Amino acid sequence: MSTATSSSDKTPSFEMTWGSSTSSGYCSDEDSGSEFDQFFTARTSFFTKSRKANVQPKKDEKQEAGGKQELTSADIQKKVKEYNAQINSNLFMNVNKDGSYTGFIKVQFKLARPVSVNPPKKGGAGRDGGAKKANGVKRRTSFYMPKDASKHLHISSRTSAREVIEALLKKFTVVDNPAKFALFERSERHDQVYLRKLSDTDHPLPLRLSAGPNEKALSFVLKENETGEVNWHAFSMPELKNFLRILQREEEEHIKQLVQRYALARTKMQEALRGSTPG
């Protein structure tokens, strides 16, 4: 595993961790004359589920979480030593001779929209493949990232949030514009969840060092860079048809669950009526 030692290193090494609850996806039937080879979903939902509201931290809490205070070389040495003493893995931090330091951050994926990647290369493009290439038809694959996916990145203290996003997209061969995504820091304090969007020039590793290895004190999340409503006109016809099929299946499943719930409640009430004696 290579070690990133400066801000010029934009391809840090990676270690990927997938959750075990990824569901099978829905595949498109559009395979002739379409722009996309295939696209599928994993644990897809177009509708956000109810959850605890994210509370924005107060100004002083932001400053505390941001870790903006400049550290001297001696402070860095001390903090790195304290950090390494708290972890039970080999994800250590190391101080370099130039005053920078390297270490690992874990990024969780919380993407609600599909991402686009280049399709896998097939050996020996046949007659059809040559024709499609000659016609200039662009091929790509769109899919939903699993909700419980995460990745460990080995980066430098000089690696910016923008470089982290670019490295993640490059690792997954995602062709979407990096500006569509944003890196957030997440923390839990006093039974509240705080989210703060990092700027492109923020440096995640110093934040990790300042907070320590505790994931509740600080974790990193990759989300969409919310700039407005979804531009559905930017999707191709096969994609839009696939999204409609996904919505229809989710709607049918939701209706099925509601019918079962009311049928069960009706049965229990009828049983209670039969077992009760007139007053």
C-alpha atoms as a PDB file:
ATOM      1  CA  MET A   1       0.000   0.000   0.000  1.00  0.00           C
ATOM      2  CA  SER A   2       1.489   3.291  -1.103  1.00  0.00           C
ATOM      3  CA  THR A   3       1.773   6.281   1.169  1.00  0.00           C
ATOM      4  CA  ALA A   4       0.612   9.766   0.194  1.00  0.00           C
ATOM      5  CA  THR A   5       3.111  12.318   1.415  1.00  0.00           C
ATOM      6  CA  SER A   6       2.148  15.571  -0.258  1.00  0.00           C
ATOM      7  CA  SER A   7      -0.751  17.452  -1.776  1.00  0.00           C
ATOM      8  CA  SER A   8       0.473  16.569  -5.247  1.00  0.00           C
ATOM      9  CA  ASP A   9      -0.391  12.923  -4.611  1.00  0.00           C
ATOM     10  CA  LYS A  10      -3.940  12.723  -5.849  1.00  0.00           C
ATOM     11  CA  THR A  11      -4.189   8.947  -6.014  1.00  0.00           C
ATOM     12  CA  PRO A  12      -3.980   7.738  -2.406  1.00  0.00           C
ATOM     13  CA  SER A  13      -4.257   4.055  -1.697  1.00  0.00           C
ATOM     14  CA  PHE A  14      -7.627   2.580  -0.842  1.00  0.00           C
ATOM     15  CA  GLU A  15      -9.229  -0.142   1.200  1.00  0.00           C
ATOM     16  CA  MET A  16     -12.875  -0.853   0.484  1.00  0.00           C
ATOM     17  CA  THR A  17     -15.505  -2.115   2.930  1.00  0.00           C
ATOM     18  CA  TRP A  18     -18.943  -3.212   1.763  1.00  0.00           C
ATOM     19  CA  GLY A  19     -21.921  -3.979   3.931  1.00  0.00           C
ATOM     20  CA  SER A  20     -23.491  -7.395   3.821  1.00  0.00           C
ATOM     21  CA  SER A  21     -27.066  -6.252   3.187  1.00  0.00           C
ATOM     22  CA  THR A  22     -26.782  -5.092  -0.414  1.00  0.00           C
ATOM     23  CA  SER A  23     -29.840  -6.136  -2.353  1.00  0.00           C
ATOM     24  CA  SER A  24     -29.931  -7.346  -5.917  1.00  0.00           C
ATOM     25  CA  GLY A  25     -30.648  -4.698  -8.494  1.00  0.00           C
ATOM     26  CA  TYR A  26     -33.182  -4.121 -11.197  1.00  0.00           C
ATOM     27  CA  CYS A  27     -31.774  -4.451 -14.693  1.00  0.00           C
ATOM     28  CA  SER A  28     -32.946  -2.479 -17.677  1.00  0.00           C
ATOM     29  CA  ASP A  29     -34.514  -4.219 -20.642  1.00  0.00           C
ATOM     30  CA  GLU A  30     -33.293  -1.511 -22.956  1.00  0.00           C
ATOM     31  CA  ASP A  31     -30.343  -3.090 -24.752  1.00  0.00           C
ATOM     32  CA  SER A  32     -30.724  -2.271 -28.409  1.00  0.00           C
ATOM     33  CA  GLY A  33     -29.818   1.088 -29.830  1.00  0.00           C
ATOM     34  CA  SER A  34     -29.724   2.728 -26.410  1.00  0.00           C
ATOM     35  CA  GLU A  35     -27.055   4.946 -24.968  1.00  0.00           C
ATOM     36  CA  PHE A  36     -26.554   2.801 -21.899  1.00  0.00           C
ATOM     37  CA  ASP A  37     -25.485  -0.816 -21.627  1.00  0.00           C
ATOM     38  CA  GLN A  38     -27.241  -1.395 -18.333  1.00  0.00           C
ATOM     39  CA  PHE A  39     -28.092   0.236 -15.069  1.00  0.00           C
ATOM     40  CA  PHE A  40     -29.164  -1.287 -11.806  1.00  0.00           C
ATOM     41  CA  THR A  41     -30.004  -0.299  -8.283  1.00  0.00           C
ATOM     42  CA  ALA A  42     -28.958  -1.448  -4.841  1.00  0.00           C
ATOM     43  CA  ARG A  43     -31.344  -0.788  -1.946  1.00  0.00           C
ATOM     44  CA  THR A  44     -33.018   1.901  -4.007  1.00  0.00           C
ATOM     45  CA  SER A  45     -35.487   4.471  -2.768  1.00  0.00           C
ATOM     46  CA  PHE A  46     -36.445   7.812  -4.257  1.00  0.00           C
ATOM     47  CA  PHE A  47     -38.065   8.857  -1.000  1.00  0.00           C
ATOM     48  CA  THR A  48     -36.173   9.712   2.151  1.00  0.00           C
ATOM     49  CA  LYS A  49     -37.174   7.755   5.234  1.00  0.00           C
ATOM     50  CA  SER A  50     -37.948   9.408   8.531  1.00  0.00           C
ATOM     51  CA  ARG A  51     -34.890   9.874  10.695  1.00  0.00           C
ATOM     52  CA  LYS A  52     -33.468  12.192  13.319  1.00  0.00           C
ATOM     53  CA  ALA A  53     -33.113  15.707  12.097  1.00  0.00           C
ATOM     54  CA  ASN A  54     -29.580  16.814  11.454  1.00  0.00           C
ATOM     55  CA  VAL A  55     -28.860  19.721  13.755  1.00  0.00           C
ATOM     56  CA  GLN A  56     -26.408  22.328  12.625  1.00  0.00           C
ATOM     57  CA  PRO A  57     -23.801  23.026  15.279  1.00  0.00           C
ATOM     58  CA  LYS A  58     -23.470  26.359  16.944  1.00  0.00           C
ATOM     59  CA  LYS A  59     -20.662  28.685  15.956  1.00  0.00           C
ATOM     60  CA  ASP A  60     -18.366  27.682  18.806  1.00  0.00           C
ATOM     61  CA  GLU A  61     -19.083  24.003  18.181  1.00  0.00           C
ATOM     62  CA  LYS A  62     -18.206  24.455  14.503  1.00  0.00           C
ATOM     63  CA  GLN A  63     -14.895  25.964  15.426  1.00  0.00           C
ATOM     64  CA  GLU A  64     -14.247  23.128  17.864  1.00  0.00           C
ATOM     65  CA  ALA A  65     -15.129  20.481  15.287  1.00  0.00           C
ATOM     66  CA  GLY A  66     -13.272  22.224  12.488  1.00  0.00           C
ATOM     67  CA  GLY A  67      -9.902  21.886  14.167  1.00  0.00           C
ATOM     68  CA  LYS A  68      -8.645  25.110  12.569  1.00  0.00           C
ATOM     69  CA  GLN A  69      -6.053  25.790  15.215  1.00  0.00           C
ATOM     70  CA  GLU A  70      -2.528  25.597  13.823  1.00  0.00           C
ATOM     71  CA  LEU A  71      -0.381  22.937  15.442  1.00  0.00           C
ATOM     72  CA  THR A  72       3.355  23.144  15.928  1.00  0.00           C
ATOM     73  CA  SER A  73       5.631  20.280  14.930  1.00  0.00           C
ATOM     74  CA  ALA A  74       5.884  19.217  18.560  1.00  0.00           C
ATOM     75  CA  ASP A  75       2.084  19.320  18.917  1.00  0.00           C
ATOM     76  CA  ILE A  76       1.677  17.143  15.829  1.00  0.00           C
ATOM     77  CA  GLN A  77       4.181  14.604  17.107  1.00  0.00           C
ATOM     78  CA  LYS A  78       2.366  14.437  20.440  1.00  0.00           C
ATOM     79  CA  LYS A  79      -1.121  14.188  18.930  1.00  0.00           C
ATOM     80  CA  VAL A  80      -0.078  11.504  16.448  1.00  0.00           C
ATOM     81  CA  LYS A  81       1.439   9.456  19.273  1.00  0.00           C
ATOM     82  CA  GLU A  82      -1.750   9.813  21.336  1.00  0.00           C
ATOM     83  CA  TYR A  83      -3.883   8.947  18.306  1.00  0.00           C
ATOM     84  CA  ASN A  84      -1.932   5.790  17.486  1.00  0.00           C
ATOM     85  CA  ALA A  85      -2.169   4.649  21.123  1.00  0.00           C
ATOM     86  CA  GLN A  86      -5.986   4.660  20.862  1.00  0.00           C
ATOM     87  CA  ILE A  87      -6.452   2.467  17.800  1.00  0.00           C
ATOM     88  CA  ASN A  88      -6.538  -1.327  17.703  1.00  0.00           C
ATOM     89  CA  SER A  89      -5.686  -1.751  14.010  1.00  0.00           C
ATOM     90  CA  ASN A  90      -2.825  -0.989  11.664  1.00  0.00           C
ATOM     91  CA  LEU A  91      -4.403   2.266  10.482  1.00  0.00           C
ATOM     92  CA  PHE A  92      -1.688   4.346  12.086  1.00  0.00           C
ATOM     93  CA  MET A  93      -0.659   7.900  11.347  1.00  0.00           C
ATOM     94  CA  ASN A  94       2.947   8.709  10.503  1.00  0.00           C
ATOM     95  CA  VAL A  95       4.790  12.022  10.670  1.00  0.00           C
ATOM     96  CA  ASN A  96       7.017  12.937   7.724  1.00  0.00           C
ATOM     97  CA  LYS A  97      10.284  14.840   7.776  1.00  0.00           C
ATOM     98  CA  ASP A  98       8.730  17.830   6.009  1.00  0.00           C
ATOM     99  CA  GLY A  99       6.240  18.353   8.851  1.00  0.00           C
ATOM    100  CA  SER A 100       3.261  16.769   7.104  1.00  0.00           C
ATOM    101  CA  TYR A 101       1.724  13.491   8.215  1.00  0.00           C
ATOM    102  CA  THR A 102      -0.201  10.670   6.634  1.00  0.00           C
ATOM    103  CA  GLY A 103      -3.003   8.469   7.873  1.00  0.00           C
ATOM    104  CA  PHE A 104      -6.368   6.916   7.117  1.00  0.00           C
ATOM    105  CA  ILE A 105      -9.860   8.331   6.959  1.00  0.00           C
ATOM    106  CA  LYS A 106     -13.052   6.359   6.475  1.00  0.00           C
ATOM    107  CA  VAL A 107     -15.681   7.776   4.124  1.00  0.00           C
ATOM    108  CA  GLN A 108     -19.271   6.532   4.196  1.00  0.00           C
ATOM    109  CA  PHE A 109     -21.473   6.794   1.106  1.00  0.00           C
ATOM    110  CA  LYS A 110     -24.877   8.390   1.598  1.00  0.00           C
ATOM    111  CA  LEU A 111     -25.897   8.952  -2.015  1.00  0.00           C
ATOM    112  CA  ALA A 112     -29.577   9.160  -2.900  1.00  0.00           C
ATOM    113  CA  ARG A 113     -29.093   9.423  -6.666  1.00  0.00           C
ATOM    114  CA  PRO A 114     -27.472   7.133  -9.229  1.00  0.00           C
ATOM    115  CA  VAL A 115     -23.889   7.581 -10.364  1.00  0.00           C
ATOM    116  CA  SER A 116     -22.551   6.874 -13.850  1.00  0.00           C
ATOM    117  CA  VAL A 117     -19.505   4.778 -14.672  1.00  0.00           C
ATOM    118  CA  ASN A 118     -17.890   3.560 -17.846  1.00  0.00           C
ATOM    119  CA  PRO A 119     -18.949   0.001 -18.753  1.00  0.00           C
ATOM    120  CA  PRO A 120     -16.418  -2.803 -18.294  1.00  0.00           C
ATOM    121  CA  LYS A 121     -14.184  -3.327 -21.283  1.00  0.00           C
ATOM    122  CA  LYS A 122     -14.949  -6.449 -23.269  1.00  0.00           C
ATOM    123  CA  GLY A 123     -12.157  -8.253 -25.029  1.00  0.00           C
ATOM    124  CA  GLY A 124     -12.333  -8.306 -28.791  1.00  0.00           C
ATOM    125  CA  ALA A 125     -15.200  -6.028 -29.693  1.00  0.00           C
ATOM    126  CA  GLY A 126     -17.202  -7.920 -32.276  1.00  0.00           C
ATOM    127  CA  ARG A 127     -18.923  -6.737 -35.382  1.00  0.00           C
ATOM    128  CA  ASP A 128     -21.683  -5.044 -33.395  1.00  0.00           C
ATOM    129  CA  GLY A 129     -19.205  -3.372 -31.083  1.00  0.00           C
ATOM    130  CA  GLY A 130     -17.284  -1.972 -34.026  1.00  0.00           C
ATOM    131  CA  ALA A 131     -20.480  -0.611 -35.541  1.00  0.00           C
ATOM    132  CA  LYS A 132     -21.525   1.056 -32.332  1.00  0.00           C
ATOM    133  CA  LYS A 133     -18.105   2.613 -31.978  1.00  0.00           C
ATOM    134  CA  ALA A 134     -18.230   3.819 -35.552  1.00  0.00           C
ATOM    135  CA  ASN A 135     -21.643   5.376 -34.954  1.00  0.00           C
ATOM    136  CA  GLY A 136     -20.225   7.281 -31.995  1.00  0.00           C
ATOM    137  CA  VAL A 137     -22.695   5.852 -29.482  1.00  0.00           C
ATOM    138  CA  LYS A 138     -21.536   6.520 -25.934  1.00  0.00           C
ATOM    139  CA  ARG A 139     -21.905   3.696 -23.470  1.00  0.00           C
ATOM    140  CA  ARG A 140     -21.979   3.893 -19.691  1.00  0.00           C
ATOM    141  CA  THR A 141     -23.578   2.252 -16.694  1.00  0.00           C
ATOM    142  CA  SER A 142     -25.652   4.001 -14.036  1.00  0.00           C
ATOM    143  CA  PHE A 143     -26.274   2.463 -10.638  1.00  0.00           C
ATOM    144  CA  TYR A 144     -27.042   3.285  -7.025  1.00  0.00           C
ATOM    145  CA  MET A 145     -24.244   2.992  -4.492  1.00  0.00           C
ATOM    146  CA  PRO A 146     -25.133   0.679  -1.601  1.00  0.00           C
ATOM    147  CA  LYS A 147     -26.262   2.712   1.387  1.00  0.00           C
ATOM    148  CA  ASP A 148     -23.860   0.965   3.745  1.00  0.00           C
ATOM    149  CA  ALA A 149     -20.779   1.209   1.531  1.00  0.00           C
ATOM    150  CA  SER A 150     -17.632   2.783   2.966  1.00  0.00           C
ATOM    151  CA  LYS A 151     -14.007   3.180   1.988  1.00  0.00           C
ATOM    152  CA  HIS A 152     -10.748   3.771   3.843  1.00  0.00           C
ATOM    153  CA  LEU A 153      -8.424   6.277   2.219  1.00  0.00           C
ATOM    154  CA  HIS A 154      -4.741   6.682   2.985  1.00  0.00           C
ATOM    155  CA  ILE A 155      -4.097  10.386   2.545  1.00  0.00           C
ATOM    156  CA  SER A 156      -1.792  13.205   3.570  1.00  0.00           C
ATOM    157  CA  SER A 157      -2.488  16.062   5.954  1.00  0.00           C
ATOM    158  CA  ARG A 158      -2.231  18.257   2.863  1.00  0.00           C
ATOM    159  CA  THR A 159      -4.877  16.351   0.916  1.00  0.00           C
ATOM    160  CA  SER A 160      -7.926  18.557   0.392  1.00  0.00           C
ATOM    161  CA  ALA A 161     -11.588  17.531   0.543  1.00  0.00           C
ATOM    162  CA  ARG A 162     -11.804  18.110  -3.204  1.00  0.00           C
ATOM    163  CA  GLU A 163      -8.939  15.684  -3.800  1.00  0.00           C
ATOM    164  CA  VAL A 164     -10.629  13.109  -1.579  1.00  0.00           C
ATOM    165  CA  ILE A 165     -13.815  13.340  -3.661  1.00  0.00           C
ATOM    166  CA  GLU A 166     -11.869  13.073  -6.921  1.00  0.00           C
ATOM    167  CA  ALA A 167      -9.937  10.054  -5.615  1.00  0.00           C
ATOM    168  CA  LEU A 168     -13.166   8.288  -4.573  1.00  0.00           C
ATOM    169  CA  LEU A 169     -14.767   8.863  -7.969  1.00  0.00           C
ATOM    170  CA  LYS A 170     -11.626   7.719  -9.768  1.00  0.00           C
ATOM    171  CA  LYS A 171     -11.461   4.529  -7.720  1.00  0.00           C
ATOM    172  CA  PHE A 172     -15.061   3.668  -8.658  1.00  0.00           C
ATOM    173  CA  THR A 173     -14.508   4.911 -12.251  1.00  0.00           C
ATOM    174  CA  VAL A 174     -17.399   7.331 -11.760  1.00  0.00           C
ATOM    175  CA  VAL A 175     -17.570   9.757 -14.681  1.00  0.00           C
ATOM    176  CA  ASP A 176     -19.889  12.277 -13.025  1.00  0.00           C
ATOM    177  CA  ASN A 177     -18.595  15.771 -12.356  1.00  0.00           C
ATOM    178  CA  PRO A 178     -16.930  15.925  -8.899  1.00  0.00           C
ATOM    179  CA  ALA A 179     -18.773  19.210  -8.313  1.00  0.00           C
ATOM    180  CA  LYS A 180     -21.974  17.150  -7.965  1.00  0.00           C
ATOM    181  CA  PHE A 181     -20.666  15.716  -4.684  1.00  0.00           C
ATOM    182  CA  ALA A 182     -19.657  17.123  -1.323  1.00  0.00           C
ATOM    183  CA  LEU A 183     -17.770  15.788   1.680  1.00  0.00           C
ATOM    184  CA  PHE A 184     -19.377  16.254   5.086  1.00  0.00           C
ATOM    185  CA  GLU A 185     -18.073  15.778   8.580  1.00  0.00           C
ATOM    186  CA  ARG A 186     -20.517  14.082  10.946  1.00  0.00           C
ATOM    187  CA  SER A 187     -20.369  14.102  14.723  1.00  0.00           C
ATOM    188  CA  GLU A 188     -22.595  13.023  17.602  1.00  0.00           C
ATOM    189  CA  ARG A 189     -22.729  15.135  20.750  1.00  0.00           C
ATOM    190  CA  HIS A 190     -25.363  15.275  23.500  1.00  0.00           C
ATOM    191  CA  ASP A 191     -27.685  12.873  21.608  1.00  0.00           C
ATOM    192  CA  GLN A 192     -27.626  15.169  18.589  1.00  0.00           C
ATOM    193  CA  VAL A 193     -26.187  14.575  15.123  1.00  0.00           C
ATOM    194  CA  TYR A 194     -24.232  17.435  13.579  1.00  0.00           C
ATOM    195  CA  LEU A 195     -23.354  17.718   9.905  1.00  0.00           C
ATOM    196  CA  ARG A 196     -20.977  20.251   8.405  1.00  0.00           C
ATOM    197  CA  LYS A 197     -20.177  20.542   4.731  1.00  0.00           C
ATOM    198  CA  LEU A 198     -16.454  20.778   4.088  1.00  0.00           C
ATOM    199  CA  SER A 199     -15.179  23.297   1.601  1.00  0.00           C
ATOM    200  CA  ASP A 200     -13.011  22.111  -1.270  1.00  0.00           C
ATOM    201  CA  THR A 201      -9.916  23.464   0.474  1.00  0.00           C
ATOM    202  CA  ASP A 202     -10.546  21.872   3.891  1.00  0.00           C
ATOM    203  CA  HIS A 203      -8.161  19.099   4.913  1.00  0.00           C
ATOM    204  CA  PRO A 204      -9.874  15.994   6.360  1.00  0.00           C
ATOM    205  CA  LEU A 205      -6.852  14.345   7.983  1.00  0.00           C
ATOM    206  CA  PRO A 206      -6.113  17.195  10.437  1.00  0.00           C
ATOM    207  CA  LEU A 207      -9.790  17.024  11.419  1.00  0.00           C
ATOM    208  CA  ARG A 208      -9.399  13.289  12.032  1.00  0.00           C
ATOM    209  CA  LEU A 209      -6.296  13.859  14.148  1.00  0.00           C
ATOM    210  CA  SER A 210      -7.923  16.619  16.165  1.00  0.00           C
ATOM    211  CA  ALA A 211     -11.057  14.546  16.913  1.00  0.00           C
ATOM    212  CA  GLY A 212      -9.248  11.267  17.547  1.00  0.00           C
ATOM    213  CA  PRO A 213     -10.182   7.846  16.139  1.00  0.00           C
ATOM    214  CA  ASN A 214     -13.679   7.742  17.679  1.00  0.00           C
ATOM    215  CA  GLU A 215     -16.218   7.571  14.818  1.00  0.00           C
ATOM    216  CA  LYS A 216     -18.920   9.200  16.959  1.00  0.00           C
ATOM    217  CA  ALA A 217     -16.680  12.182  17.578  1.00  0.00           C
ATOM    218  CA  LEU A 218     -16.045  12.543  13.847  1.00  0.00           C
ATOM    219  CA  SER A 219     -16.762  10.638  10.664  1.00  0.00           C
ATOM    220  CA  PHE A 220     -16.812  11.586   6.998  1.00  0.00           C
ATOM    221  CA  VAL A 221     -19.772  11.221   4.651  1.00  0.00           C
ATOM    222  CA  LEU A 222     -19.979  11.611   0.878  1.00  0.00           C
ATOM    223  CA  LYS A 223     -23.292  13.066  -0.239  1.00  0.00           C
ATOM    224  CA  GLU A 224     -24.750  14.889  -3.173  1.00  0.00           C
ATOM    225  CA  ASN A 225     -23.898  18.549  -3.391  1.00  0.00           C
ATOM    226  CA  GLU A 226     -27.416  19.889  -3.045  1.00  0.00           C
ATOM    227  CA  THR A 227     -27.773  22.642  -5.611  1.00  0.00           C
ATOM    228  CA  GLY A 228     -31.504  22.354  -6.313  1.00  0.00           C
ATOM    229  CA  GLU A 229     -34.058  19.947  -7.725  1.00  0.00           C
ATOM    230  CA  VAL A 230     -33.118  16.926  -9.807  1.00  0.00           C
ATOM    231  CA  ASN A 231     -32.705  17.815 -13.470  1.00  0.00           C
ATOM    232  CA  TRP A 232     -34.595  14.890 -14.957  1.00  0.00           C
ATOM    233  CA  HIS A 233     -33.986  16.210 -18.474  1.00  0.00           C
ATOM    234  CA  ALA A 234     -30.326  15.310 -18.036  1.00  0.00           C
ATOM    235  CA  PHE A 235     -31.174  11.571 -18.022  1.00  0.00           C
ATOM    236  CA  SER A 236     -31.636   9.429 -21.103  1.00  0.00           C
ATOM    237  CA  MET A 237     -34.915   7.734 -22.013  1.00  0.00           C
ATOM    238  CA  PRO A 238     -33.728   4.264 -20.891  1.00  0.00           C
ATOM    239  CA  GLU A 239     -32.727   5.707 -17.511  1.00  0.00           C
ATOM    240  CA  LEU A 240     -36.045   7.492 -17.034  1.00  0.00           C
ATOM    241  CA  LYS A 241     -37.959   4.332 -17.945  1.00  0.00           C
ATOM    242  CA  ASN A 242     -35.890   2.361 -15.488  1.00  0.00           C
ATOM    243  CA  PHE A 243     -36.582   4.915 -12.730  1.00  0.00           C
ATOM    244  CA  LEU A 244     -40.319   4.623 -13.450  1.00  0.00           C
ATOM    245  CA  ARG A 245     -40.110   0.837 -13.137  1.00  0.00           C
ATOM    246  CA  ILE A 246     -38.301   1.243  -9.817  1.00  0.00           C
ATOM    247  CA  LEU A 247     -40.975   3.648  -8.550  1.00  0.00           C
ATOM    248  CA  GLN A 248     -43.734   1.285  -9.649  1.00  0.00           C
ATOM    249  CA  ARG A 249     -42.150  -1.660  -7.818  1.00  0.00           C
ATOM    250  CA  GLU A 250     -41.636   0.416  -4.676  1.00  0.00           C
ATOM    251  CA  GLU A 251     -45.242   1.606  -4.848  1.00  0.00           C
ATOM    252  CA  GLU A 252     -46.550  -1.934  -5.311  1.00  0.00           C
ATOM    253  CA  GLU A 253     -44.466  -3.176  -2.375  1.00  0.00           C
ATOM    254  CA  HIS A 254     -45.683  -0.305  -0.176  1.00  0.00           C
ATOM    255  CA  ILE A 255     -49.315  -1.005  -1.084  1.00  0.00           C
ATOM    256  CA  LYS A 256     -48.819  -4.714  -0.353  1.00  0.00           C
ATOM    257  CA  GLN A 257     -47.421  -3.931   3.103  1.00  0.00           C
ATOM    258  CA  LEU A 258     -50.333  -1.576   3.883  1.00  0.00           C
ATOM    259  CA  VAL A 259     -52.926  -4.150   2.792  1.00  0.00           C
ATOM    260  CA  GLN A 260     -51.282  -6.822   4.948  1.00  0.00           C
ATOM    261  CA  ARG A 261     -51.129  -4.482   7.945  1.00  0.00           C
ATOM    262  CA  TYR A 262     -54.816  -3.555   7.725  1.00  0.00           C
ATOM    263  CA  ALA A 263     -55.837  -7.174   7.095  1.00  0.00           C
ATOM    264  CA  LEU A 264     -53.979  -8.245  10.231  1.00  0.00           C
ATOM    265  CA  ALA A 265     -55.587  -5.450  12.268  1.00  0.00           C
ATOM    266  CA  ARG A 266     -59.028  -6.397  10.937  1.00  0.00           C
ATOM    267  CA  THR A 267     -58.498 -10.063  11.849  1.00  0.00           C
ATOM    268  CA  LYS A 268     -57.440  -9.187  15.399  1.00  0.00           C
ATOM    269  CA  MET A 269     -60.456  -6.921  15.882  1.00  0.00           C
ATOM    270  CA  GLN A 270     -62.808  -9.608  14.588  1.00  0.00           C
ATOM    271  CA  GLU A 271     -61.249 -12.143  16.960  1.00  0.00           C
ATOM    272  CA  ALA A 272     -61.688  -9.700  19.837  1.00  0.00           C
ATOM    273  CA  LEU A 273     -65.344  -9.167  18.904  1.00  0.00           C
ATOM    274  CA  ARG A 274     -66.040 -12.891  18.787  1.00  0.00           C
ATOM    275  CA  GLY A 275     -64.380 -13.445  22.173  1.00  0.00           C
ATOM    276  CA  SER A 276     -66.139 -10.605  23.968  1.00  0.00           C
ATOM    277  CA  THR A 277     -69.475 -11.102  25.787  1.00  0.00           C
ATOM    278  CA  PRO A 278     -72.333  -8.587  25.541  1.00  0.00           C
ATOM    279  CA  GLY A 279     -72.296  -6.107  28.462  1.00  0.00           C
END
